[in-house]
Full PDB file with SEQRES, HELIX, SHEET, SSBOND, CRYST1, ORIGX, SCALE, CONECT and MASTER records, all heavy atoms in Angstrom:
SEQRES   1 A   35  ARG LEU ARG ALA ILE ALA VAL GLU MET ALA TRP LEU TRP          
SEQRES   2 A   35  LEU ARG HIS GLN PRO ASP THR ALA LEU ALA ARG TRP TYR          
SEQRES   3 A   35  HIS GLN ARG VAL ARG ARG PHE GLY PRO                          
HELIX    1 AA1 LEU A    2  HIS A   16  1                                  15    
HELIX    2 AA2 ALA A   21  PHE A   33  1                                  13    
CRYST1    1.000    1.000    1.000  90.00  90.00  90.00 P 1           1          
ORIGX1      1.000000  0.000000  0.000000        0.00000                         
ORIGX2      0.000000  1.000000  0.000000        0.00000                         
ORIGX3      0.000000  0.000000  1.000000        0.00000                         
SCALE1      1.000000  0.000000  0.000000        0.00000                         
SCALE2      0.000000  1.000000  0.000000        0.00000                         
SCALE3      0.000000  0.000000  1.000000        0.00000                         
ATOM      1  N   ARG A   1       0.833  -1.204   0.000  1.00  0.00           N  
ATOM      2  CA  ARG A   1       0.000   0.000   0.000  1.00  0.00           C  
ATOM      3  C   ARG A   1       0.865   1.250   0.000  1.00  0.00           C  
ATOM      4  O   ARG A   1       0.593   2.200  -0.742  1.00  0.00           O  
ATOM      5  CB  ARG A   1      -0.935  -0.017   1.211  1.00  0.00           C  
ATOM      6  CG  ARG A   1      -1.935  -1.160   1.203  1.00  0.00           C  
ATOM      7  CD  ARG A   1      -2.774  -1.168   2.462  1.00  0.00           C  
ATOM      8  NE  ARG A   1      -3.737  -2.251   2.467  1.00  0.00           N  
ATOM      9  CZ  ARG A   1      -3.468  -3.481   2.880  1.00  0.00           C  
ATOM     10  NH1 ARG A   1      -2.262  -3.768   3.337  1.00  0.00           N  
ATOM     11  NH2 ARG A   1      -4.390  -4.422   2.851  1.00  0.00           N  
ATOM     12  N   LEU A   2       1.894   1.252   0.827  1.00  0.00           N  
ATOM     13  CA  LEU A   2       2.791   2.408   0.859  1.00  0.00           C  
ATOM     14  C   LEU A   2       3.515   2.569  -0.468  1.00  0.00           C  
ATOM     15  O   LEU A   2       3.734   3.699  -0.928  1.00  0.00           O  
ATOM     16  CB  LEU A   2       3.794   2.244   2.006  1.00  0.00           C  
ATOM     17  CG  LEU A   2       4.765   3.406   2.222  1.00  0.00           C  
ATOM     18  CD1 LEU A   2       4.016   4.690   2.506  1.00  0.00           C  
ATOM     19  CD2 LEU A   2       5.737   3.086   3.353  1.00  0.00           C  
ATOM     20  N   ARG A   3       3.885   1.456  -1.094  1.00  0.00           N  
ATOM     21  CA  ARG A   3       4.563   1.534  -2.394  1.00  0.00           C  
ATOM     22  C   ARG A   3       3.633   2.135  -3.447  1.00  0.00           C  
ATOM     23  O   ARG A   3       4.044   2.988  -4.241  1.00  0.00           O  
ATOM     24  CB  ARG A   3       5.019   0.139  -2.809  1.00  0.00           C  
ATOM     25  CG  ARG A   3       5.780   0.120  -4.130  1.00  0.00           C  
ATOM     26  CD  ARG A   3       6.467  -1.207  -4.344  1.00  0.00           C  
ATOM     27  NE  ARG A   3       5.541  -2.331  -4.417  1.00  0.00           N  
ATOM     28  CZ  ARG A   3       5.382  -3.246  -3.472  1.00  0.00           C  
ATOM     29  NH1 ARG A   3       6.078  -3.152  -2.353  1.00  0.00           N  
ATOM     30  NH2 ARG A   3       4.541  -4.250  -3.620  1.00  0.00           N  
ATOM     31  N   ALA A   4       2.378   1.715  -3.477  1.00  0.00           N  
ATOM     32  CA  ALA A   4       1.430   2.261  -4.450  1.00  0.00           C  
ATOM     33  C   ALA A   4       1.188   3.745  -4.206  1.00  0.00           C  
ATOM     34  O   ALA A   4       1.081   4.535  -5.155  1.00  0.00           O  
ATOM     35  CB  ALA A   4       0.109   1.490  -4.372  1.00  0.00           C  
ATOM     36  N   ILE A   5       1.095   4.132  -2.927  1.00  0.00           N  
ATOM     37  CA  ILE A   5       0.907   5.543  -2.599  1.00  0.00           C  
ATOM     38  C   ILE A   5       2.097   6.362  -3.077  1.00  0.00           C  
ATOM     39  O   ILE A   5       1.936   7.452  -3.644  1.00  0.00           O  
ATOM     40  CB  ILE A   5       0.711   5.704  -1.079  1.00  0.00           C  
ATOM     41  CG1 ILE A   5      -0.617   5.083  -0.653  1.00  0.00           C  
ATOM     42  CG2 ILE A   5       0.760   7.173  -0.669  1.00  0.00           C  
ATOM     43  CD1 ILE A   5      -0.751   4.912   0.846  1.00  0.00           C  
ATOM     44  N   ALA A   6       3.314   5.844  -2.870  1.00  0.00           N  
ATOM     45  CA  ALA A   6       4.519   6.579  -3.260  1.00  0.00           C  
ATOM     46  C   ALA A   6       4.591   6.773  -4.771  1.00  0.00           C  
ATOM     47  O   ALA A   6       4.954   7.854  -5.248  1.00  0.00           O  
ATOM     48  CB  ALA A   6       5.759   5.847  -2.757  1.00  0.00           C  
ATOM     49  N   VAL A   7       4.244   5.736  -5.538  1.00  0.00           N  
ATOM     50  CA  VAL A   7       4.299   5.848  -7.001  1.00  0.00           C  
ATOM     51  C   VAL A   7       3.235   6.827  -7.496  1.00  0.00           C  
ATOM     52  O   VAL A   7       3.502   7.678  -8.364  1.00  0.00           O  
ATOM     53  CB  VAL A   7       4.113   4.456  -7.646  1.00  0.00           C  
ATOM     54  CG1 VAL A   7       3.990   4.581  -9.156  1.00  0.00           C  
ATOM     55  CG2 VAL A   7       5.286   3.542  -7.285  1.00  0.00           C  
ATOM     56  N   GLU A   8       2.028   6.729  -6.950  1.00  0.00           N  
ATOM     57  CA  GLU A   8       0.971   7.660  -7.363  1.00  0.00           C  
ATOM     58  C   GLU A   8       1.344   9.102  -7.001  1.00  0.00           C  
ATOM     59  O   GLU A   8       1.106  10.033  -7.772  1.00  0.00           O  
ATOM     60  CB  GLU A   8      -0.341   7.265  -6.689  1.00  0.00           C  
ATOM     61  CG  GLU A   8      -1.532   8.102  -7.127  1.00  0.00           C  
ATOM     62  CD  GLU A   8      -2.819   7.653  -6.468  1.00  0.00           C  
ATOM     63  OE1 GLU A   8      -2.790   6.637  -5.737  1.00  0.00           O  
ATOM     64  OE2 GLU A   8      -3.853   8.329  -6.673  1.00  0.00           O  
ATOM     65  N   MET A   9       1.928   9.279  -5.838  1.00  0.00           N  
ATOM     66  CA  MET A   9       2.319  10.610  -5.410  1.00  0.00           C  
ATOM     67  C   MET A   9       3.456  11.161  -6.267  1.00  0.00           C  
ATOM     68  O   MET A   9       3.553  12.378  -6.491  1.00  0.00           O  
ATOM     69  CB  MET A   9       2.735  10.567  -3.938  1.00  0.00           C  
ATOM     70  CG  MET A   9       2.941  11.917  -3.307  1.00  0.00           C  
ATOM     71  SD  MET A   9       3.129  11.776  -1.520  1.00  0.00           S  
ATOM     72  CE  MET A   9       4.486  10.603  -1.439  1.00  0.00           C  
ATOM     73  N   ALA A  10       4.313  10.274  -6.783  1.00  0.00           N  
ATOM     74  CA  ALA A  10       5.414  10.724  -7.637  1.00  0.00           C  
ATOM     75  C   ALA A  10       4.888  11.356  -8.923  1.00  0.00           C  
ATOM     76  O   ALA A  10       5.413  12.383  -9.379  1.00  0.00           O  
ATOM     77  CB  ALA A  10       6.343   9.552  -7.950  1.00  0.00           C  
ATOM     78  N   TRP A  11       3.859  10.748  -9.516  1.00  0.00           N  
ATOM     79  CA  TRP A  11       3.267  11.341 -10.713  1.00  0.00           C  
ATOM     80  C   TRP A  11       2.686  12.717 -10.412  1.00  0.00           C  
ATOM     81  O   TRP A  11       2.871  13.674 -11.194  1.00  0.00           O  
ATOM     82  CB  TRP A  11       2.178  10.440 -11.274  1.00  0.00           C  
ATOM     83  CG  TRP A  11       2.659   9.201 -11.953  1.00  0.00           C  
ATOM     84  CD1 TRP A  11       2.492   7.909 -11.545  1.00  0.00           C  
ATOM     85  CD2 TRP A  11       3.402   9.113 -13.186  1.00  0.00           C  
ATOM     86  NE1 TRP A  11       3.077   7.034 -12.418  1.00  0.00           N  
ATOM     87  CE2 TRP A  11       3.637   7.742 -13.451  1.00  0.00           C  
ATOM     88  CE3 TRP A  11       3.884  10.061 -14.078  1.00  0.00           C  
ATOM     89  CZ2 TRP A  11       4.340   7.305 -14.560  1.00  0.00           C  
ATOM     90  CZ3 TRP A  11       4.593   9.621 -15.207  1.00  0.00           C  
ATOM     91  CH2 TRP A  11       4.809   8.264 -15.435  1.00  0.00           C  
ATOM     92  N   LEU A  12       1.973  12.852  -9.292  1.00  0.00           N  
ATOM     93  CA  LEU A  12       1.395  14.142  -8.925  1.00  0.00           C  
ATOM     94  C   LEU A  12       2.475  15.152  -8.543  1.00  0.00           C  
ATOM     95  O   LEU A  12       2.280  16.367  -8.705  1.00  0.00           O  
ATOM     96  CB  LEU A  12       0.409  13.956  -7.770  1.00  0.00           C  
ATOM     97  CG  LEU A  12      -0.851  13.151  -8.109  1.00  0.00           C  
ATOM     98  CD1 LEU A  12      -1.700  12.930  -6.871  1.00  0.00           C  
ATOM     99  CD2 LEU A  12      -1.667  13.858  -9.179  1.00  0.00           C  
ATOM    100  N   TRP A  13       3.581  14.671  -8.015  1.00  0.00           N  
ATOM    101  CA  TRP A  13       4.672  15.575  -7.660  1.00  0.00           C  
ATOM    102  C   TRP A  13       5.213  16.283  -8.892  1.00  0.00           C  
ATOM    103  O   TRP A  13       5.563  17.479  -8.841  1.00  0.00           O  
ATOM    104  CB  TRP A  13       5.771  14.788  -6.962  1.00  0.00           C  
ATOM    105  CG  TRP A  13       6.867  15.641  -6.391  1.00  0.00           C  
ATOM    106  CD1 TRP A  13       8.060  15.954  -6.968  1.00  0.00           C  
ATOM    107  CD2 TRP A  13       6.867  16.296  -5.115  1.00  0.00           C  
ATOM    108  NE1 TRP A  13       8.810  16.746  -6.146  1.00  0.00           N  
ATOM    109  CE2 TRP A  13       8.100  16.978  -4.997  1.00  0.00           C  
ATOM    110  CE3 TRP A  13       5.962  16.357  -4.075  1.00  0.00           C  
ATOM    111  CZ2 TRP A  13       8.435  17.723  -3.876  1.00  0.00           C  
ATOM    112  CZ3 TRP A  13       6.286  17.096  -2.948  1.00  0.00           C  
ATOM    113  CH2 TRP A  13       7.500  17.765  -2.854  1.00  0.00           C  
ATOM    114  N   LEU A  14       5.302  15.581 -10.012  1.00  0.00           N  
ATOM    115  CA  LEU A  14       5.779  16.201 -11.252  1.00  0.00           C  
ATOM    116  C   LEU A  14       4.845  17.303 -11.710  1.00  0.00           C  
ATOM    117  O   LEU A  14       5.284  18.303 -12.303  1.00  0.00           O  
ATOM    118  CB  LEU A  14       5.910  15.136 -12.348  1.00  0.00           C  
ATOM    119  CG  LEU A  14       6.927  14.015 -12.107  1.00  0.00           C  
ATOM    120  CD1 LEU A  14       6.851  12.991 -13.226  1.00  0.00           C  
ATOM    121  CD2 LEU A  14       8.338  14.580 -11.976  1.00  0.00           C  
ATOM    122  N   ARG A  15       3.556  17.150 -11.430  1.00  0.00           N  
ATOM    123  CA  ARG A  15       2.579  18.152 -11.856  1.00  0.00           C  
ATOM    124  C   ARG A  15       2.569  19.365 -10.936  1.00  0.00           C  
ATOM    125  O   ARG A  15       2.527  20.517 -11.399  1.00  0.00           O  
ATOM    126  CB  ARG A  15       1.182  17.534 -11.898  1.00  0.00           C  
ATOM    127  CG  ARG A  15       0.088  18.511 -12.338  1.00  0.00           C  
ATOM    128  CD  ARG A  15      -1.296  17.918 -12.087  1.00  0.00           C  
ATOM    129  NE  ARG A  15      -1.452  16.637 -12.774  1.00  0.00           N  
ATOM    130  CZ  ARG A  15      -2.538  15.870 -12.642  1.00  0.00           C  
ATOM    131  NH1 ARG A  15      -3.520  16.254 -11.823  1.00  0.00           N  
ATOM    132  NH2 ARG A  15      -2.632  14.730 -13.294  1.00  0.00           N  
ATOM    133  N   HIS A  16       2.606  19.124  -9.619  1.00  0.00           N  
ATOM    134  CA  HIS A  16       2.440  20.220  -8.666  1.00  0.00           C  
ATOM    135  C   HIS A  16       3.756  20.818  -8.181  1.00  0.00           C  
ATOM    136  O   HIS A  16       3.758  21.924  -7.644  1.00  0.00           O  
ATOM    137  CB  HIS A  16       1.632  19.734  -7.450  1.00  0.00           C  
ATOM    138  CG  HIS A  16       0.237  19.308  -7.779  1.00  0.00           C  
ATOM    139  ND1 HIS A  16      -0.769  20.209  -8.067  1.00  0.00           N  
ATOM    140  CD2 HIS A  16      -0.321  18.077  -7.878  1.00  0.00           C  
ATOM    141  CE1 HIS A  16      -1.893  19.548  -8.308  1.00  0.00           C  
ATOM    142  NE2 HIS A  16      -1.640  18.256  -8.211  1.00  0.00           N  
ATOM    143  N   GLN A  17       4.848  20.085  -8.340  1.00  0.00           N  
ATOM    144  CA  GLN A  17       6.154  20.574  -7.891  1.00  0.00           C  
ATOM    145  C   GLN A  17       7.179  20.440  -9.020  1.00  0.00           C  
ATOM    146  O   GLN A  17       8.207  19.765  -8.884  1.00  0.00           O  
ATOM    147  CB  GLN A  17       6.626  19.785  -6.662  1.00  0.00           C  
ATOM    148  CG  GLN A  17       5.723  19.868  -5.457  1.00  0.00           C  
ATOM    149  CD  GLN A  17       5.945  21.147  -4.653  1.00  0.00           C  
ATOM    150  OE1 GLN A  17       6.702  22.026  -5.054  1.00  0.00           O  
ATOM    151  NE2 GLN A  17       5.294  21.245  -3.507  1.00  0.00           N  
ATOM    152  N   PRO A  18       6.932  21.101 -10.175  1.00  0.00           N  
ATOM    153  CA  PRO A  18       7.832  20.906 -11.331  1.00  0.00           C  
ATOM    154  C   PRO A  18       9.201  21.543 -11.167  1.00  0.00           C  
ATOM    155  O   PRO A  18      10.132  21.214 -11.918  1.00  0.00           O  
ATOM    156  CB  PRO A  18       7.052  21.564 -12.474  1.00  0.00           C  
ATOM    157  CG  PRO A  18       6.213  22.611 -11.794  1.00  0.00           C  
ATOM    158  CD  PRO A  18       5.841  22.043 -10.464  1.00  0.00           C  
ATOM    159  N   ASP A  19       9.355  22.466 -10.203  1.00  0.00           N  
ATOM    160  CA  ASP A  19      10.624  23.179 -10.059  1.00  0.00           C  
ATOM    161  C   ASP A  19      11.552  22.548  -9.023  1.00  0.00           C  
ATOM    162  O   ASP A  19      12.630  23.094  -8.764  1.00  0.00           O  
ATOM    163  CB  ASP A  19      10.351  24.638  -9.655  1.00  0.00           C  
ATOM    164  CG  ASP A  19       9.523  25.373 -10.708  1.00  0.00           C  
ATOM    165  OD1 ASP A  19       9.706  25.066 -11.898  1.00  0.00           O  
ATOM    166  OD2 ASP A  19       8.697  26.220 -10.323  1.00  0.00           O  
ATOM    167  N   THR A  20      11.158  21.442  -8.434  1.00  0.00           N  
ATOM    168  CA  THR A  20      11.997  20.805  -7.428  1.00  0.00           C  
ATOM    169  C   THR A  20      13.160  20.062  -8.089  1.00  0.00           C  
ATOM    170  O   THR A  20      13.117  19.718  -9.279  1.00  0.00           O  
ATOM    171  CB  THR A  20      11.189  19.829  -6.574  1.00  0.00           C  
ATOM    172  OG1 THR A  20      10.582  18.850  -7.437  1.00  0.00           O  
ATOM    173  CG2 THR A  20      10.100  20.554  -5.795  1.00  0.00           C  
ATOM    174  N   ALA A  21      14.190  19.801  -7.295  1.00  0.00           N  
ATOM    175  CA  ALA A  21      15.341  19.061  -7.804  1.00  0.00           C  
ATOM    176  C   ALA A  21      14.943  17.643  -8.199  1.00  0.00           C  
ATOM    177  O   ALA A  21      15.490  17.085  -9.165  1.00  0.00           O  
ATOM    178  CB  ALA A  21      16.444  19.027  -6.743  1.00  0.00           C  
ATOM    179  N   LEU A  22      13.988  17.060  -7.482  1.00  0.00           N  
ATOM    180  CA  LEU A  22      13.544  15.714  -7.819  1.00  0.00           C  
ATOM    181  C   LEU A  22      12.865  15.686  -9.181  1.00  0.00           C  
ATOM    182  O   LEU A  22      13.091  14.763  -9.985  1.00  0.00           O  
ATOM    183  CB  LEU A  22      12.589  15.202  -6.738  1.00  0.00           C  
ATOM    184  CG  LEU A  22      13.197  14.924  -5.361  1.00  0.00           C  
ATOM    185  CD1 LEU A  22      12.109  14.539  -4.368  1.00  0.00           C  
ATOM    186  CD2 LEU A  22      14.240  13.820  -5.447  1.00  0.00           C  
ATOM    187  N   ALA A  23      12.004  16.659  -9.457  1.00  0.00           N  
ATOM    188  CA  ALA A  23      11.326  16.702 -10.759  1.00  0.00           C  
ATOM    189  C   ALA A  23      12.328  16.935 -11.884  1.00  0.00           C  
ATOM    190  O   ALA A  23      12.232  16.324 -12.963  1.00  0.00           O  
ATOM    191  CB  ALA A  23      10.255  17.791 -10.753  1.00  0.00           C  
ATOM    192  N   ARG A  24      13.304  17.819 -11.661  1.00  0.00           N  
ATOM    193  CA  ARG A  24      14.323  18.058 -12.695  1.00  0.00           C  
ATOM    194  C   ARG A  24      15.145  16.801 -12.943  1.00  0.00           C  
ATOM    195  O   ARG A  24      15.485  16.484 -14.095  1.00  0.00           O  
ATOM    196  CB  ARG A  24      15.230  19.224 -12.270  1.00  0.00           C  
ATOM    197  CG  ARG A  24      14.527  20.570 -12.238  1.00  0.00           C  
ATOM    198  CD  ARG A  24      15.543  21.701 -12.206  1.00  0.00           C  
ATOM    199  NE  ARG A  24      16.410  21.612 -11.039  1.00  0.00           N  
ATOM    200  CZ  ARG A  24      16.159  22.193  -9.873  1.00  0.00           C  
ATOM    201  NH1 ARG A  24      15.042  22.903  -9.719  1.00  0.00           N  
ATOM    202  NH2 ARG A  24      16.998  22.078  -8.865  1.00  0.00           N  
ATOM    203  N   TRP A  25      15.458  16.078 -11.861  1.00  0.00           N  
ATOM    204  CA  TRP A  25      16.214  14.825 -12.031  1.00  0.00           C  
ATOM    205  C   TRP A  25      15.425  13.850 -12.895  1.00  0.00           C  
ATOM    206  O   TRP A  25      16.004  13.185 -13.772  1.00  0.00           O  
ATOM    207  CB  TRP A  25      16.482  14.211 -10.662  1.00  0.00           C  
ATOM    208  CG  TRP A  25      17.094  12.842 -10.726  1.00  0.00           C  
ATOM    209  CD1 TRP A  25      18.408  12.533 -10.838  1.00  0.00           C  
ATOM    210  CD2 TRP A  25      16.394  11.592 -10.708  1.00  0.00           C  
ATOM    211  NE1 TRP A  25      18.586  11.174 -10.885  1.00  0.00           N  
ATOM    212  CE2 TRP A  25      17.362  10.570 -10.807  1.00  0.00           C  
ATOM    213  CE3 TRP A  25      15.062  11.243 -10.621  1.00  0.00           C  
ATOM    214  CZ2 TRP A  25      17.011   9.221 -10.826  1.00  0.00           C  
ATOM    215  CZ3 TRP A  25      14.714   9.904 -10.625  1.00  0.00           C  
ATOM    216  CH2 TRP A  25      15.680   8.900 -10.725  1.00  0.00           C  
ATOM    217  N   TYR A  26      14.124  13.741 -12.678  1.00  0.00           N  
ATOM    218  CA  TYR A  26      13.293  12.823 -13.462  1.00  0.00           C  
ATOM    219  C   TYR A  26      13.311  13.203 -14.946  1.00  0.00           C  
ATOM    220  O   TYR A  26      13.528  12.345 -15.812  1.00  0.00           O  
ATOM    221  CB  TYR A  26      11.868  12.850 -12.926  1.00  0.00           C  
ATOM    222  CG  TYR A  26      10.877  12.098 -13.791  1.00  0.00           C  
ATOM    223  CD1 TYR A  26      10.725  10.723 -13.672  1.00  0.00           C  
ATOM    224  CD2 TYR A  26      10.118  12.757 -14.750  1.00  0.00           C  
ATOM    225  CE1 TYR A  26       9.829  10.035 -14.472  1.00  0.00           C  
ATOM    226  CE2 TYR A  26       9.221  12.073 -15.557  1.00  0.00           C  
ATOM    227  CZ  TYR A  26       9.084  10.717 -15.411  1.00  0.00           C  
ATOM    228  OH  TYR A  26       8.188  10.033 -16.209  1.00  0.00           O  
ATOM    229  N   HIS A  27      13.081  14.473 -15.244  1.00  0.00           N  
ATOM    230  CA  HIS A  27      13.011  14.897 -16.651  1.00  0.00           C  
ATOM    231  C   HIS A  27      14.361  14.747 -17.337  1.00  0.00           C  
ATOM    232  O   HIS A  27      14.420  14.351 -18.519  1.00  0.00           O  
ATOM    233  CB  HIS A  27      12.520  16.340 -16.722  1.00  0.00           C  
ATOM    234  CG  HIS A  27      11.089  16.518 -16.298  1.00  0.00           C  
ATOM    235  ND1 HIS A  27      10.041  15.870 -16.931  1.00  0.00           N  
ATOM    236  CD2 HIS A  27      10.533  17.255 -15.293  1.00  0.00           C  
ATOM    237  CE1 HIS A  27       8.895  16.201 -16.354  1.00  0.00           C  
ATOM    238  NE2 HIS A  27       9.163  17.033 -15.356  1.00  0.00           N  
ATOM    239  N   GLN A  28      15.444  15.038 -16.642  1.00  0.00           N  
ATOM    240  CA  GLN A  28      16.768  14.864 -17.245  1.00  0.00           C  
ATOM    241  C   GLN A  28      17.043  13.403 -17.553  1.00  0.00           C  
ATOM    242  O   GLN A  28      17.596  13.067 -18.610  1.00  0.00           O  
ATOM    243  CB  GLN A  28      17.842  15.415 -16.308  1.00  0.00           C  
ATOM    244  CG  GLN A  28      17.831  16.929 -16.168  1.00  0.00           C  
ATOM    245  CD  GLN A  28      18.760  17.417 -15.084  1.00  0.00           C  
ATOM    246  OE1 GLN A  28      19.441  16.618 -14.424  1.00  0.00           O  
ATOM    247  NE2 GLN A  28      18.803  18.732 -14.867  1.00  0.00           N  
ATOM    248  N   ARG A  29      16.645  12.520 -16.658  1.00  0.00           N  
ATOM    249  CA  ARG A  29      16.897  11.092 -16.875  1.00  0.00           C  
ATOM    250  C   ARG A  29      16.053  10.553 -18.033  1.00  0.00           C  
ATOM    251  O   ARG A  29      16.528   9.732 -18.824  1.00  0.00           O  
ATOM    252  CB  ARG A  29      16.605  10.324 -15.591  1.00  0.00           C  
ATOM    253  CG  ARG A  29      17.132   8.895 -15.597  1.00  0.00           C  
ATOM    254  CD  ARG A  29      17.020   8.284 -14.219  1.00  0.00           C  
ATOM    255  NE  ARG A  29      17.554   6.935 -14.184  1.00  0.00           N  
ATOM    256  CZ  ARG A  29      18.828   6.641 -13.986  1.00  0.00           C  
ATOM    257  NH1 ARG A  29      19.711   7.625 -13.814  1.00  0.00           N  
ATOM    258  NH2 ARG A  29      19.248   5.385 -13.958  1.00  0.00           N  
ATOM    259  N   VAL A  30      14.803  11.009 -18.139  1.00  0.00           N  
ATOM    260  CA  VAL A  30      13.956  10.559 -19.238  1.00  0.00           C  
ATOM    261  C   VAL A  30      14.479  11.077 -20.566  1.00  0.00           C  
ATOM    262  O   VAL A  30      14.466  10.357 -21.578  1.00  0.00           O  
ATOM    263  CB  VAL A  30      12.500  11.011 -18.989  1.00  0.00           C  
ATOM    264  CG1 VAL A  30      11.640  10.770 -20.229  1.00  0.00           C  
ATOM    265  CG2 VAL A  30      11.906  10.260 -17.804  1.00  0.00           C  
ATOM    266  N   ARG A  31      14.952  12.336 -20.591  1.00  0.00           N  
ATOM    267  CA  ARG A  31      15.526  12.866 -21.836  1.00  0.00           C  
ATOM    268  C   ARG A  31      16.787  12.102 -22.231  1.00  0.00           C  
ATOM    269  O   ARG A  31      17.055  11.889 -23.420  1.00  0.00           O  
ATOM    270  CB  ARG A  31      15.845  14.350 -21.672  1.00  0.00           C  
ATOM    271  CG  ARG A  31      14.638  15.259 -21.766  1.00  0.00           C  
ATOM    272  CD  ARG A  31      15.060  16.703 -21.970  1.00  0.00           C  
ATOM    273  NE  ARG A  31      15.830  17.191 -20.843  1.00  0.00           N  
ATOM    274  CZ  ARG A  31      15.309  17.809 -19.781  1.00  0.00           C  
ATOM    275  NH1 ARG A  31      13.990  18.002 -19.720  1.00  0.00           N  
ATOM    276  NH2 ARG A  31      16.076  18.223 -18.805  1.00  0.00           N  
ATOM    277  N   ARG A  32      17.535  11.651 -21.227  1.00  0.00           N  
ATOM    278  CA  ARG A  32      18.796  10.962 -21.521  1.00  0.00           C  
ATOM    279  C   ARG A  32      18.565   9.552 -22.047  1.00  0.00           C  
ATOM    280  O   ARG A  32      19.213   9.134 -23.017  1.00  0.00           O  
ATOM    281  CB  ARG A  32      19.647  10.926 -20.257  1.00  0.00           C  
ATOM    282  CG  ARG A  32      20.972  10.199 -20.422  1.00  0.00           C  
ATOM    283  CD  ARG A  32      21.734  10.158 -19.110  1.00  0.00           C  
ATOM    284  NE  ARG A  32      22.963   9.394 -19.212  1.00  0.00           N  
ATOM    285  CZ  ARG A  32      23.761   9.123 -18.188  1.00  0.00           C  
ATOM    286  NH1 ARG A  32      23.441   9.576 -16.965  1.00  0.00           N  
ATOM    287  NH2 ARG A  32      24.859   8.404 -18.366  1.00  0.00           N  
ATOM    288  N   PHE A  33      17.645   8.822 -21.416  1.00  0.00           N  
ATOM    289  CA  PHE A  33      17.451   7.417 -21.770  1.00  0.00           C  
ATOM    290  C   PHE A  33      16.215   7.168 -22.641  1.00  0.00           C  
ATOM    291  O   PHE A  33      15.964   6.034 -23.032  1.00  0.00           O  
ATOM    292  CB  PHE A  33      17.342   6.571 -20.500  1.00  0.00           C  
ATOM    293  CG  PHE A  33      18.602   6.542 -19.690  1.00  0.00           C  
ATOM    294  CD1 PHE A  33      18.732   7.330 -18.552  1.00  0.00           C  
ATOM    295  CD2 PHE A  33      19.668   5.762 -20.071  1.00  0.00           C  
ATOM    296  CE1 PHE A  33      19.896   7.316 -17.797  1.00  0.00           C  
ATOM    297  CE2 PHE A  33      20.842   5.733 -19.326  1.00  0.00           C  
ATOM    298  CZ  PHE A  33      20.959   6.520 -18.185  1.00  0.00           C  
ATOM    299  N   GLY A  34      15.435   8.205 -22.916  1.00  0.00           N  
ATOM    300  CA  GLY A  34      14.299   8.047 -23.809  1.00  0.00           C  
ATOM    301  C   GLY A  34      12.981   7.915 -23.056  1.00  0.00           C  
ATOM    302  O   GLY A  34      12.940   7.522 -21.887  1.00  0.00           O  
ATOM    303  N   PRO A  35      11.878   8.234 -23.726  1.00  0.00           N  
ATOM    304  CA  PRO A  35      10.555   8.211 -23.066  1.00  0.00           C  
ATOM    305  C   PRO A  35      10.104   6.810 -22.654  1.00  0.00           C  
ATOM    306  O   PRO A  35       9.196   6.687 -21.829  1.00  0.00           O  
ATOM    307  CB  PRO A  35       9.623   8.809 -24.121  1.00  0.00           C  
ATOM    308  CG  PRO A  35      10.323   8.585 -25.428  1.00  0.00           C  
ATOM    309  CD  PRO A  35      11.776   8.670 -25.131  1.00  0.00           C  
TER     310      PRO A  35                                                      
MASTER        0    0    0    2    0    0    0    6  309    1    0    3          
END                                                                             
């Protein structure tokens, strides 16, 4: 349950907190390795 909550919250974090270091790390990694 905690794992599912964390994954769901990660998607929402990208939407509501796009300027955080965590969100930037995600977008940089996706750009590097592909969608």
